[in-house]
Amino acid sequence: MTSSNIFLMCYYDGVLRIEDHKPQYEGGIVRILRVKKDTTFTELMRKLYILTKYDERHIKIGITCEWPTSMGEYIVVGVEDDETVENMLDLYPLMYLLYNYIWRRKM
């Protein structure tokens, strides 16, 4: 696996809504995070905690990404382990910018 950089468009502190089968994010903050193609789930989560400035001792986060389907539509898929991170990052270069939604989980 190569170590090329991939850009993740990260949305957080807002609300994710699904309208007409398309993810729409309202409010919050948008930041771009650069990761290596061989990033693991643990590394990704560490970078997201740094990006959001959340204290992982007090706030747990989850992450979802946009996954392309037929006819140019997207669904939201959970990113929960190394396999789903690898699958998400394999979308590059098909998708130049990968969209991720970060949400707070119940402790």
PDB file of N, CA and C in Angstrom:
ATOM      1  N   MET A   1       0.853  -1.184   0.000  1.00  0.00           N
ATOM      2  CA  MET A   1       0.000   0.000   0.000  1.00  0.00           C
ATOM      3  C   MET A   1       0.895   1.242   0.000  1.00  0.00           C
ATOM      4  N   THR A   2       0.607   2.232  -0.794  1.00  0.00           N
ATOM      5  CA  THR A   2       1.411   3.432  -0.876  1.00  0.00           C
ATOM      6  C   THR A   2       1.093   4.373   0.271  1.00  0.00           C
ATOM      7  N   SER A   3       1.928   5.395   0.433  1.00  0.00           N
ATOM      8  CA  SER A   3       1.749   6.351   1.517  1.00  0.00           C
ATOM      9  C   SER A   3       1.330   7.720   0.997  1.00  0.00           C
ATOM     10  N   SER A   4       0.573   7.773  -0.075  1.00  0.00           N
ATOM     11  CA  SER A   4       0.137   9.058  -0.614  1.00  0.00           C
ATOM     12  C   SER A   4      -0.840   9.734   0.346  1.00  0.00           C
ATOM     13  N   ASN A   5      -0.887  11.051   0.269  1.00  0.00           N
ATOM     14  CA  ASN A   5      -1.786  11.815   1.128  1.00  0.00           C
ATOM     15  C   ASN A   5      -3.198  11.808   0.572  1.00  0.00           C
ATOM     16  N   ILE A   6      -4.156  11.721   1.481  1.00  0.00           N
ATOM     17  CA  ILE A   6      -5.574  11.772   1.144  1.00  0.00           C
ATOM     18  C   ILE A   6      -6.204  12.844   2.008  1.00  0.00           C
ATOM     19  N   PHE A   7      -7.106  13.614   1.421  1.00  0.00           N
ATOM     20  CA  PHE A   7      -7.743  14.701   2.150  1.00  0.00           C
ATOM     21  C   PHE A   7      -9.148  14.298   2.586  1.00  0.00           C
ATOM     22  N   LEU A   8      -9.428  14.503   3.860  1.00  0.00           N
ATOM     23  CA  LEU A   8     -10.737  14.206   4.425  1.00  0.00           C
ATOM     24  C   LEU A   8     -11.409  15.518   4.806  1.00  0.00           C
ATOM     25  N   MET A   9     -12.593  15.743   4.292  1.00  0.00           N
ATOM     26  CA  MET A   9     -13.392  16.903   4.684  1.00  0.00           C
ATOM     27  C   MET A   9     -14.172  16.469   5.925  1.00  0.00           C
ATOM     28  N   CYS A  10     -13.841  17.051   7.078  1.00  0.00           N
ATOM     29  CA  CYS A  10     -14.415  16.617   8.352  1.00  0.00           C
ATOM     30  C   CYS A  10     -15.408  17.652   8.876  1.00  0.00           C
ATOM     31  N   TYR A  11     -16.616  17.190   9.133  1.00  0.00           N
ATOM     32  CA  TYR A  11     -17.686  18.025   9.683  1.00  0.00           C
ATOM     33  C   TYR A  11     -17.935  17.594  11.124  1.00  0.00           C
ATOM     34  N   TYR A  12     -18.054  18.576  12.033  1.00  0.00           N
ATOM     35  CA  TYR A  12     -18.364  18.243  13.421  1.00  0.00           C
ATOM     36  C   TYR A  12     -19.051  19.414  14.119  1.00  0.00           C
ATOM     37  N   ASP A  13     -19.659  19.125  15.266  1.00  0.00           N
ATOM     38  CA  ASP A  13     -20.419  20.101  16.066  1.00  0.00           C
ATOM     39  C   ASP A  13     -21.646  20.628  15.335  1.00  0.00           C
ATOM     40  N   GLY A  14     -22.206  19.840  14.452  1.00  0.00           N
ATOM     41  CA  GLY A  14     -23.428  20.198  13.739  1.00  0.00           C
ATOM     42  C   GLY A  14     -24.389  19.030  13.749  1.00  0.00           C
ATOM     43  N   VAL A  15     -25.317  19.019  12.808  1.00  0.00           N
ATOM     44  CA  VAL A  15     -26.328  17.970  12.738  1.00  0.00           C
ATOM     45  C   VAL A  15     -26.326  17.355  11.333  1.00  0.00           C
ATOM     46  N   LEU A  16     -26.234  16.041  11.277  1.00  0.00           N
ATOM     47  CA  LEU A  16     -26.301  15.318  10.010  1.00  0.00           C
ATOM     48  C   LEU A  16     -27.744  14.896   9.770  1.00  0.00           C
ATOM     49  N   ARG A  17     -28.274  15.277   8.620  1.00  0.00           N
ATOM     50  CA  ARG A  17     -29.626  14.898   8.235  1.00  0.00           C
ATOM     51  C   ARG A  17     -29.553  14.201   6.872  1.00  0.00           C
ATOM     52  N   ILE A  18     -30.452  13.255   6.689  1.00  0.00           N
ATOM     53  CA  ILE A  18     -30.539  12.567   5.406  1.00  0.00           C
ATOM     54  C   ILE A  18     -31.800  13.071   4.713  1.00  0.00           C
ATOM     55  N   GLU A  19     -31.618  13.755   3.576  1.00  0.00           N
ATOM     56  CA  GLU A  19     -32.738  14.287   2.807  1.00  0.00           C
ATOM     57  C   GLU A  19     -32.645  13.760   1.385  1.00  0.00           C
ATOM     58  N   ASP A  20     -33.721  13.174   0.909  1.00  0.00           N
ATOM     59  CA  ASP A  20     -33.740  12.580  -0.434  1.00  0.00           C
ATOM     60  C   ASP A  20     -32.591  11.591  -0.620  1.00  0.00           C
ATOM     61  N   HIS A  21     -32.324  10.811   0.418  1.00  0.00           N
ATOM     62  CA  HIS A  21     -31.268   9.806   0.429  1.00  0.00           C
ATOM     63  C   HIS A  21     -29.872  10.408   0.314  1.00  0.00           C
ATOM     64  N   LYS A  22     -29.747  11.710   0.559  1.00  0.00           N
ATOM     65  CA  LYS A  22     -28.448  12.369   0.483  1.00  0.00           C
ATOM     66  C   LYS A  22     -28.111  12.973   1.840  1.00  0.00           C
ATOM     67  N   PRO A  23     -26.848  12.800   2.302  1.00  0.00           N
ATOM     68  CA  PRO A  23     -26.459  13.409   3.570  1.00  0.00           C
ATOM     69  C   PRO A  23     -26.352  14.931   3.441  1.00  0.00           C
ATOM     70  N   GLN A  24     -26.924  15.625   4.395  1.00  0.00           N
ATOM     71  CA  GLN A  24     -26.837  17.081   4.471  1.00  0.00           C
ATOM     72  C   GLN A  24     -26.371  17.437   5.882  1.00  0.00           C
ATOM     73  N   TYR A  25     -25.355  18.268   5.995  1.00  0.00           N
ATOM     74  CA  TYR A  25     -24.833  18.653   7.305  1.00  0.00           C
ATOM     75  C   TYR A  25     -25.197  20.092   7.576  1.00  0.00           C
ATOM     76  N   GLU A  26     -25.780  20.339   8.740  1.00  0.00           N
ATOM     77  CA  GLU A  26     -26.224  21.688   9.099  1.00  0.00           C
ATOM     78  C   GLU A  26     -25.422  22.208  10.282  1.00  0.00           C
ATOM     79  N   GLY A  27     -24.932  23.441  10.132  1.00  0.00           N
ATOM     80  CA  GLY A  27     -24.188  24.074  11.213  1.00  0.00           C
ATOM     81  C   GLY A  27     -22.833  23.431  11.429  1.00  0.00           C
ATOM     82  N   GLY A  28     -22.250  23.745  12.546  1.00  0.00           N
ATOM     83  CA  GLY A  28     -20.989  23.126  12.929  1.00  0.00           C
ATOM     84  C   GLY A  28     -19.768  23.697  12.242  1.00  0.00           C
ATOM     85  N   ILE A  29     -18.720  22.929  12.296  1.00  0.00           N
ATOM     86  CA  ILE A  29     -17.394  23.330  11.825  1.00  0.00           C
ATOM     87  C   ILE A  29     -16.951  22.366  10.732  1.00  0.00           C
ATOM     88  N   VAL A  30     -16.231  22.882   9.747  1.00  0.00           N
ATOM     89  CA  VAL A  30     -15.688  22.056   8.662  1.00  0.00           C
ATOM     90  C   VAL A  30     -14.181  22.274   8.626  1.00  0.00           C
ATOM     91  N   ARG A  31     -13.436  21.184   8.645  1.00  0.00           N
ATOM     92  CA  ARG A  31     -11.981  21.246   8.553  1.00  0.00           C
ATOM     93  C   ARG A  31     -11.504  20.159   7.602  1.00  0.00           C
ATOM     94  N   ILE A  32     -10.375  20.400   6.974  1.00  0.00           N
ATOM     95  CA  ILE A  32      -9.760  19.397   6.108  1.00  0.00           C
ATOM     96  C   ILE A  32      -8.608  18.752   6.868  1.00  0.00           C
ATOM     97  N   LEU A  33      -8.603  17.429   6.859  1.00  0.00           N
ATOM     98  CA  LEU A  33      -7.569  16.645   7.527  1.00  0.00           C
ATOM     99  C   LEU A  33      -6.837  15.837   6.467  1.00  0.00           C
ATOM    100  N   ARG A  34      -5.521  15.863   6.516  1.00  0.00           N
ATOM    101  CA  ARG A  34      -4.709  15.093   5.575  1.00  0.00           C
ATOM    102  C   ARG A  34      -4.194  13.846   6.291  1.00  0.00           C
ATOM    103  N   VAL A  35      -4.399  12.686   5.669  1.00  0.00           N
ATOM    104  CA  VAL A  35      -3.923  11.422   6.237  1.00  0.00           C
ATOM    105  C   VAL A  35      -3.176  10.645   5.166  1.00  0.00           C
ATOM    106  N   LYS A  36      -2.414   9.673   5.593  1.00  0.00           N
ATOM    107  CA  LYS A  36      -1.719   8.770   4.667  1.00  0.00           C
ATOM    108  C   LYS A  36      -2.672   7.658   4.255  1.00  0.00           C
ATOM    109  N   LYS A  37      -2.441   7.103   3.091  1.00  0.00           N
ATOM    110  CA  LYS A  37      -3.288   6.024   2.561  1.00  0.00           C
ATOM    111  C   LYS A  37      -3.308   4.808   3.484  1.00  0.00           C
ATOM    112  N   ASP A  38      -2.223   4.579   4.234  1.00  0.00           N
ATOM    113  CA  ASP A  38      -2.134   3.410   5.105  1.00  0.00           C
ATOM    114  C   ASP A  38      -2.513   3.714   6.561  1.00  0.00           C
ATOM    115  N   THR A  39      -3.290   4.777   6.790  1.00  0.00           N
ATOM    116  CA  THR A  39      -3.719   5.151   8.139  1.00  0.00           C
ATOM    117  C   THR A  39      -4.627   4.074   8.733  1.00  0.00           C
ATOM    118  N   THR A  40      -4.405   3.771  10.015  1.00  0.00           N
ATOM    119  CA  THR A  40      -5.245   2.798  10.722  1.00  0.00           C
ATOM    120  C   THR A  40      -6.394   3.528  11.421  1.00  0.00           C
ATOM    121  N   PHE A  41      -7.366   2.750  11.885  1.00  0.00           N
ATOM    122  CA  PHE A  41      -8.497   3.321  12.614  1.00  0.00           C
ATOM    123  C   PHE A  41      -8.014   4.074  13.857  1.00  0.00           C
ATOM    124  N   THR A  42      -7.096   3.486  14.607  1.00  0.00           N
ATOM    125  CA  THR A  42      -6.570   4.130  15.821  1.00  0.00           C
ATOM    126  C   THR A  42      -5.891   5.450  15.489  1.00  0.00           C
ATOM    127  N   GLU A  43      -5.085   5.471  14.433  1.00  0.00           N
ATOM    128  CA  GLU A  43      -4.410   6.707  14.020  1.00  0.00           C
ATOM    129  C   GLU A  43      -5.418   7.759  13.576  1.00  0.00           C
ATOM    130  N   LEU A  44      -6.436   7.335  12.832  1.00  0.00           N
ATOM    131  CA  LEU A  44      -7.463   8.273  12.368  1.00  0.00           C
ATOM    132  C   LEU A  44      -8.200   8.884  13.554  1.00  0.00           C
ATOM    133  N   MET A  45      -8.595   8.069  14.505  1.00  0.00           N
ATOM    134  CA  MET A  45      -9.307   8.587  15.675  1.00  0.00           C
ATOM    135  C   MET A  45      -8.432   9.555  16.467  1.00  0.00           C
ATOM    136  N   ARG A  46      -7.153   9.244  16.627  1.00  0.00           N
ATOM    137  CA  ARG A  46      -6.231  10.153  17.340  1.00  0.00           C
ATOM    138  C   ARG A  46      -6.182  11.506  16.634  1.00  0.00           C
ATOM    139  N   LYS A  47      -6.069  11.494  15.306  1.00  0.00           N
ATOM    140  CA  LYS A  47      -6.028  12.740  14.544  1.00  0.00           C
ATOM    141  C   LYS A  47      -7.348  13.513  14.656  1.00  0.00           C
ATOM    142  N   LEU A  48      -8.476  12.792  14.690  1.00  0.00           N
ATOM    143  CA  LEU A  48      -9.772  13.466  14.810  1.00  0.00           C
ATOM    144  C   LEU A  48      -9.950  14.111  16.176  1.00  0.00           C
ATOM    145  N   TYR A  49      -9.446  13.474  17.220  1.00  0.00           N
ATOM    146  CA  TYR A  49      -9.510  14.099  18.554  1.00  0.00           C
ATOM    147  C   TYR A  49      -8.662  15.372  18.585  1.00  0.00           C
ATOM    148  N   ILE A  50      -7.513  15.348  17.936  1.00  0.00           N
ATOM    149  CA  ILE A  50      -6.665  16.547  17.863  1.00  0.00           C
ATOM    150  C   ILE A  50      -7.363  17.632  17.055  1.00  0.00           C
ATOM    151  N   LEU A  51      -7.931  17.264  15.910  1.00  0.00           N
ATOM    152  CA  LEU A  51      -8.623  18.213  15.042  1.00  0.00           C
ATOM    153  C   LEU A  51      -9.788  18.894  15.754  1.00  0.00           C
ATOM    154  N   THR A  52     -10.618  18.096  16.431  1.00  0.00           N
ATOM    155  CA  THR A  52     -11.825  18.632  17.073  1.00  0.00           C
ATOM    156  C   THR A  52     -11.544  19.272  18.425  1.00  0.00           C
ATOM    157  N   LYS A  53     -10.369  18.981  18.983  1.00  0.00           N
ATOM    158  CA  LYS A  53      -9.988  19.443  20.330  1.00  0.00           C
ATOM    159  C   LYS A  53     -10.901  18.871  21.406  1.00  0.00           C
ATOM    160  N   TYR A  54     -11.517  17.737  21.108  1.00  0.00           N
ATOM    161  CA  TYR A  54     -12.308  17.027  22.110  1.00  0.00           C
ATOM    162  C   TYR A  54     -11.352  16.272  23.036  1.00  0.00           C
ATOM    163  N   ASP A  55     -11.711  16.193  24.305  1.00  0.00           N
ATOM    164  CA  ASP A  55     -10.942  15.431  25.291  1.00  0.00           C
ATOM    165  C   ASP A  55     -11.522  14.020  25.321  1.00  0.00           C
ATOM    166  N   GLU A  56     -10.756  13.049  24.847  1.00  0.00           N
ATOM    167  CA  GLU A  56     -11.314  11.702  24.738  1.00  0.00           C
ATOM    168  C   GLU A  56     -11.593  11.051  26.083  1.00  0.00           C
ATOM    169  N   ARG A  57     -11.126  11.645  27.167  1.00  0.00           N
ATOM    170  CA  ARG A  57     -11.483  11.130  28.499  1.00  0.00           C
ATOM    171  C   ARG A  57     -12.927  11.473  28.841  1.00  0.00           C
ATOM    172  N   HIS A  58     -13.469  12.514  28.189  1.00  0.00           N
ATOM    173  CA  HIS A  58     -14.819  12.985  28.511  1.00  0.00           C
ATOM    174  C   HIS A  58     -15.808  12.887  27.357  1.00  0.00           C
ATOM    175  N   ILE A  59     -15.288  12.857  26.128  1.00  0.00           N
ATOM    176  CA  ILE A  59     -16.158  12.819  24.950  1.00  0.00           C
ATOM    177  C   ILE A  59     -15.710  11.682  24.041  1.00  0.00           C
ATOM    178  N   LYS A  60     -16.630  10.796  23.711  1.00  0.00           N
ATOM    179  CA  LYS A  60     -16.358   9.737  22.734  1.00  0.00           C
ATOM    180  C   LYS A  60     -16.976  10.159  21.412  1.00  0.00           C
ATOM    181  N   ILE A  61     -16.270   9.885  20.323  1.00  0.00           N
ATOM    182  CA  ILE A  61     -16.782  10.270  19.016  1.00  0.00           C
ATOM    183  C   ILE A  61     -16.939   9.043  18.121  1.00  0.00           C
ATOM    184  N   GLY A  62     -17.813   9.175  17.143  1.00  0.00           N
ATOM    185  CA  GLY A  62     -17.979   8.200  16.085  1.00  0.00           C
ATOM    186  C   GLY A  62     -17.748   8.914  14.767  1.00  0.00           C
ATOM    187  N   ILE A  63     -17.540   8.153  13.719  1.00  0.00           N
ATOM    188  CA  ILE A  63     -17.295   8.763  12.408  1.00  0.00           C
ATOM    189  C   ILE A  63     -18.051   7.987  11.340  1.00  0.00           C
ATOM    190  N   THR A  64     -18.613   8.727  10.403  1.00  0.00           N
ATOM    191  CA  THR A  64     -19.253   8.141   9.234  1.00  0.00           C
ATOM    192  C   THR A  64     -18.661   8.803   7.994  1.00  0.00           C
ATOM    193  N   CYS A  65     -18.813   8.138   6.861  1.00  0.00           N
ATOM    194  CA  CYS A  65     -18.331   8.734   5.610  1.00  0.00           C
ATOM    195  C   CYS A  65     -19.396   8.577   4.543  1.00  0.00           C
ATOM    196  N   GLU A  66     -19.289   9.395   3.503  1.00  0.00           N
ATOM    197  CA  GLU A  66     -20.167   9.266   2.343  1.00  0.00           C
ATOM    198  C   GLU A  66     -19.632   8.144   1.475  1.00  0.00           C
ATOM    199  N   TRP A  67     -20.525   7.234   1.097  1.00  0.00           N
ATOM    200  CA  TRP A  67     -20.148   6.113   0.244  1.00  0.00           C
ATOM    201  C   TRP A  67     -20.927   6.208  -1.059  1.00  0.00           C
ATOM    202  N   PRO A  68     -20.231   6.236  -2.202  1.00  0.00           N
ATOM    203  CA  PRO A  68     -20.934   6.386  -3.480  1.00  0.00           C
ATOM    204  C   PRO A  68     -21.750   5.144  -3.827  1.00  0.00           C
ATOM    205  N   THR A  69     -22.932   5.380  -4.374  1.00  0.00           N
ATOM    206  CA  THR A  69     -23.771   4.295  -4.882  1.00  0.00           C
ATOM    207  C   THR A  69     -23.962   4.547  -6.369  1.00  0.00           C
ATOM    208  N   SER A  70     -24.868   3.871  -6.962  1.00  0.00           N
ATOM    209  CA  SER A  70     -25.107   4.059  -8.394  1.00  0.00           C
ATOM    210  C   SER A  70     -25.713   5.428  -8.667  1.00  0.00           C
ATOM    211  N   MET A  71     -25.557   5.894  -9.862  1.00  0.00           N
ATOM    212  CA  MET A  71     -26.148   7.136 -10.358  1.00  0.00           C
ATOM    213  C   MET A  71     -25.732   8.379  -9.561  1.00  0.00           C
ATOM    214  N   GLY A  72     -24.505   8.401  -9.044  1.00  0.00           N
ATOM    215  CA  GLY A  72     -23.971   9.590  -8.409  1.00  0.00           C
ATOM    216  C   GLY A  72     -24.560   9.935  -7.055  1.00  0.00           C
ATOM    217  N   GLU A  73     -25.255   9.010  -6.428  1.00  0.00           N
ATOM    218  CA  GLU A  73     -25.802   9.267  -5.099  1.00  0.00           C
ATOM    219  C   GLU A  73     -24.866   8.698  -4.041  1.00  0.00           C
ATOM    220  N   TYR A  74     -25.099   9.112  -2.800  1.00  0.00           N
ATOM    221  CA  TYR A  74     -24.252   8.690  -1.694  1.00  0.00           C
ATOM    222  C   TYR A  74     -25.106   8.234  -0.521  1.00  0.00           C
ATOM    223  N   ILE A  75     -24.555   7.289   0.247  1.00  0.00           N
ATOM    224  CA  ILE A  75     -25.158   6.907   1.513  1.00  0.00           C
ATOM    225  C   ILE A  75     -24.120   7.147   2.604  1.00  0.00           C
ATOM    226  N   VAL A  76     -24.556   7.174   3.837  1.00  0.00           N
ATOM    227  CA  VAL A  76     -23.646   7.369   4.958  1.00  0.00           C
ATOM    228  C   VAL A  76     -23.339   5.999   5.563  1.00  0.00           C
ATOM    229  N   VAL A  77     -22.043   5.702   5.709  1.00  0.00           N
ATOM    230  CA  VAL A  77     -21.584   4.414   6.226  1.00  0.00           C
ATOM    231  C   VAL A  77     -20.699   4.661   7.440  1.00  0.00           C
ATOM    232  N   GLY A  78     -20.891   3.852   8.491  1.00  0.00           N
ATOM    233  CA  GLY A  78     -20.068   3.973   9.693  1.00  0.00           C
ATOM    234  C   GLY A  78     -18.640   3.523   9.450  1.00  0.00           C
ATOM    235  N   VAL A  79     -17.706   4.229  10.075  1.00  0.00           N
ATOM    236  CA  VAL A  79     -16.287   3.869  10.027  1.00  0.00           C
ATOM    237  C   VAL A  79     -15.944   3.397  11.437  1.00  0.00           C
ATOM    238  N   GLU A  80     -15.687   2.087  11.568  1.00  0.00           N
ATOM    239  CA  GLU A  80     -15.602   1.508  12.907  1.00  0.00           C
ATOM    240  C   GLU A  80     -14.356   0.682  13.185  1.00  0.00           C
ATOM    241  N   ASP A  81     -13.540   0.416  12.167  1.00  0.00           N
ATOM    242  CA  ASP A  81     -12.366  -0.435  12.373  1.00  0.00           C
ATOM    243  C   ASP A  81     -11.389  -0.230  11.215  1.00  0.00           C
ATOM    244  N   ASP A  82     -10.266  -0.959  11.265  1.00  0.00           N
ATOM    245  CA  ASP A  82      -9.241  -0.816  10.225  1.00  0.00           C
ATOM    246  C   ASP A  82      -9.780  -1.145   8.834  1.00  0.00           C
ATOM    247  N   GLU A  83     -10.646  -2.135   8.739  1.00  0.00           N
ATOM    248  CA  GLU A  83     -11.181  -2.522   7.424  1.00  0.00           C
ATOM    249  C   GLU A  83     -12.030  -1.415   6.810  1.00  0.00           C
ATOM    250  N   THR A  84     -12.891  -0.778   7.609  1.00  0.00           N
ATOM    251  CA  THR A  84     -13.729   0.284   7.039  1.00  0.00           C
ATOM    252  C   THR A  84     -12.896   1.528   6.725  1.00  0.00           C
ATOM    253  N   VAL A  85     -11.844   1.783   7.500  1.00  0.00           N
ATOM    254  CA  VAL A  85     -10.946   2.899   7.166  1.00  0.00           C
ATOM    255  C   VAL A  85     -10.249   2.612   5.841  1.00  0.00           C
ATOM    256  N   GLU A  86      -9.746   1.392   5.680  1.00  0.00           N
ATOM    257  CA  GLU A  86      -9.076   1.030   4.426  1.00  0.00           C
ATOM    258  C   GLU A  86     -10.036   1.150   3.245  1.00  0.00           C
ATOM    259  N   ASN A  87     -11.263   0.665   3.398  1.00  0.00           N
ATOM    260  CA  ASN A  87     -12.254   0.772   2.319  1.00  0.00           C
ATOM    261  C   ASN A  87     -12.545   2.233   1.981  1.00  0.00           C
ATOM    262  N   MET A  88     -12.686   3.070   3.004  1.00  0.00           N
ATOM    263  CA  MET A  88     -12.950   4.492   2.785  1.00  0.00           C
ATOM    264  C   MET A  88     -11.784   5.140   2.030  1.00  0.00           C
ATOM    265  N   LEU A  89     -10.561   4.868   2.469  1.00  0.00           N
ATOM    266  CA  LEU A  89      -9.401   5.490   1.837  1.00  0.00           C
ATOM    267  C   LEU A  89      -9.156   4.943   0.433  1.00  0.00           C
ATOM    268  N   ASP A  90      -9.632   3.740   0.157  1.00  0.00           N
ATOM    269  CA  ASP A  90      -9.510   3.179  -1.195  1.00  0.00           C
ATOM    270  C   ASP A  90     -10.402   3.909  -2.208  1.00  0.00           C
ATOM    271  N   LEU A  91     -11.355   4.721  -1.725  1.00  0.00           N
ATOM    272  CA  LEU A  91     -12.184   5.518  -2.636  1.00  0.00           C
ATOM    273  C   LEU A  91     -11.360   6.574  -3.359  1.00  0.00           C
ATOM    274  N   TYR A  92     -10.221   6.961  -2.784  1.00  0.00           N
ATOM    275  CA  TYR A  92      -9.324   7.912  -3.431  1.00  0.00           C
ATOM    276  C   TYR A  92      -8.496   7.140  -4.452  1.00  0.00           C
ATOM    277  N   PRO A  93      -8.296   7.562  -5.667  1.00  0.00           N
ATOM    278  CA  PRO A  93      -8.606   8.858  -6.259  1.00  0.00           C
ATOM    279  C   PRO A  93      -9.967   8.941  -6.959  1.00  0.00           C
ATOM    280  N   LEU A  94     -10.790   7.909  -6.860  1.00  0.00           N
ATOM    281  CA  LEU A  94     -12.135   7.990  -7.442  1.00  0.00           C
ATOM    282  C   LEU A  94     -12.853   9.242  -6.929  1.00  0.00           C
ATOM    283  N   MET A  95     -12.708   9.493  -5.652  1.00  0.00           N
ATOM    284  CA  MET A  95     -13.248  10.706  -5.034  1.00  0.00           C
ATOM    285  C   MET A  95     -12.054  11.504  -4.522  1.00  0.00           C
ATOM    286  N   TYR A  96     -11.839  12.690  -5.067  1.00  0.00           N
ATOM    287  CA  TYR A  96     -10.660  13.486  -4.700  1.00  0.00           C
ATOM    288  C   TYR A  96     -10.708  13.907  -3.230  1.00  0.00           C
ATOM    289  N   LEU A  97     -11.900  14.192  -2.721  1.00  0.00           N
ATOM    290  CA  LEU A  97     -12.067  14.637  -1.348  1.00  0.00           C
ATOM    291  C   LEU A  97     -13.095  13.731  -0.688  1.00  0.00           C
ATOM    292  N   LEU A  98     -12.724  13.112   0.426  1.00  0.00           N
ATOM    293  CA  LEU A  98     -13.626  12.205   1.134  1.00  0.00           C
ATOM    294  C   LEU A  98     -14.341  12.962   2.244  1.00  0.00           C
ATOM    295  N   TYR A  99     -15.662  12.820   2.315  1.00  0.00           N
ATOM    296  CA  TYR A  99     -16.472  13.543   3.298  1.00  0.00           C
ATOM    297  C   TYR A  99     -16.727  12.660   4.514  1.00  0.00           C
ATOM    298  N   ASN A 100     -16.427  13.208   5.709  1.00  0.00           N
ATOM    299  CA  ASN A 100     -16.596  12.489   6.960  1.00  0.00           C
ATOM    300  C   ASN A 100     -17.397  13.330   7.938  1.00  0.00           C
ATOM    301  N   TYR A 101     -18.254  12.659   8.692  1.00  0.00           N
ATOM    302  CA  TYR A 101     -19.100  13.324   9.682  1.00  0.00           C
ATOM    303  C   TYR A 101     -18.757  12.756  11.051  1.00  0.00           C
ATOM    304  N   ILE A 102     -18.362  13.622  11.956  1.00  0.00           N
ATOM    305  CA  ILE A 102     -17.946  13.226  13.298  1.00  0.00           C
ATOM    306  C   ILE A 102     -19.086  13.559  14.257  1.00  0.00           C
ATOM    307  N   TRP A 103     -19.449  12.622  15.071  1.00  0.00           N
ATOM    308  CA  TRP A 103     -20.555  12.835  16.002  1.00  0.00           C
ATOM    309  C   TRP A 103     -20.152  12.340  17.389  1.00  0.00           C
ATOM    310  N   ARG A 104     -20.754  12.967  18.385  1.00  0.00           N
ATOM    311  CA  ARG A 104     -20.471  12.584  19.780  1.00  0.00           C
ATOM    312  C   ARG A 104     -21.288  11.370  20.143  1.00  0.00           C
ATOM    313  N   ARG A 105     -20.608  10.424  20.764  1.00  0.00           N
ATOM    314  CA  ARG A 105     -21.272   9.185  21.210  1.00  0.00           C
ATOM    315  C   ARG A 105     -21.567   9.277  22.696  1.00  0.00           C
ATOM    316  N   LYS A 106     -22.571   8.559  23.122  1.00  0.00           N
ATOM    317  CA  LYS A 106     -22.879   8.501  24.546  1.00  0.00           C
ATOM    318  C   LYS A 106     -21.778   7.761  25.264  1.00  0.00           C
ATOM    319  N   MET A 107     -21.404   8.257  26.423  1.00  0.00           N
ATOM    320  CA  MET A 107     -20.330   7.640  27.226  1.00  0.00           C
ATOM    321  C   MET A 107     -20.862   6.456  27.998  1.00  0.00           C
TER     322      MET A 107
END
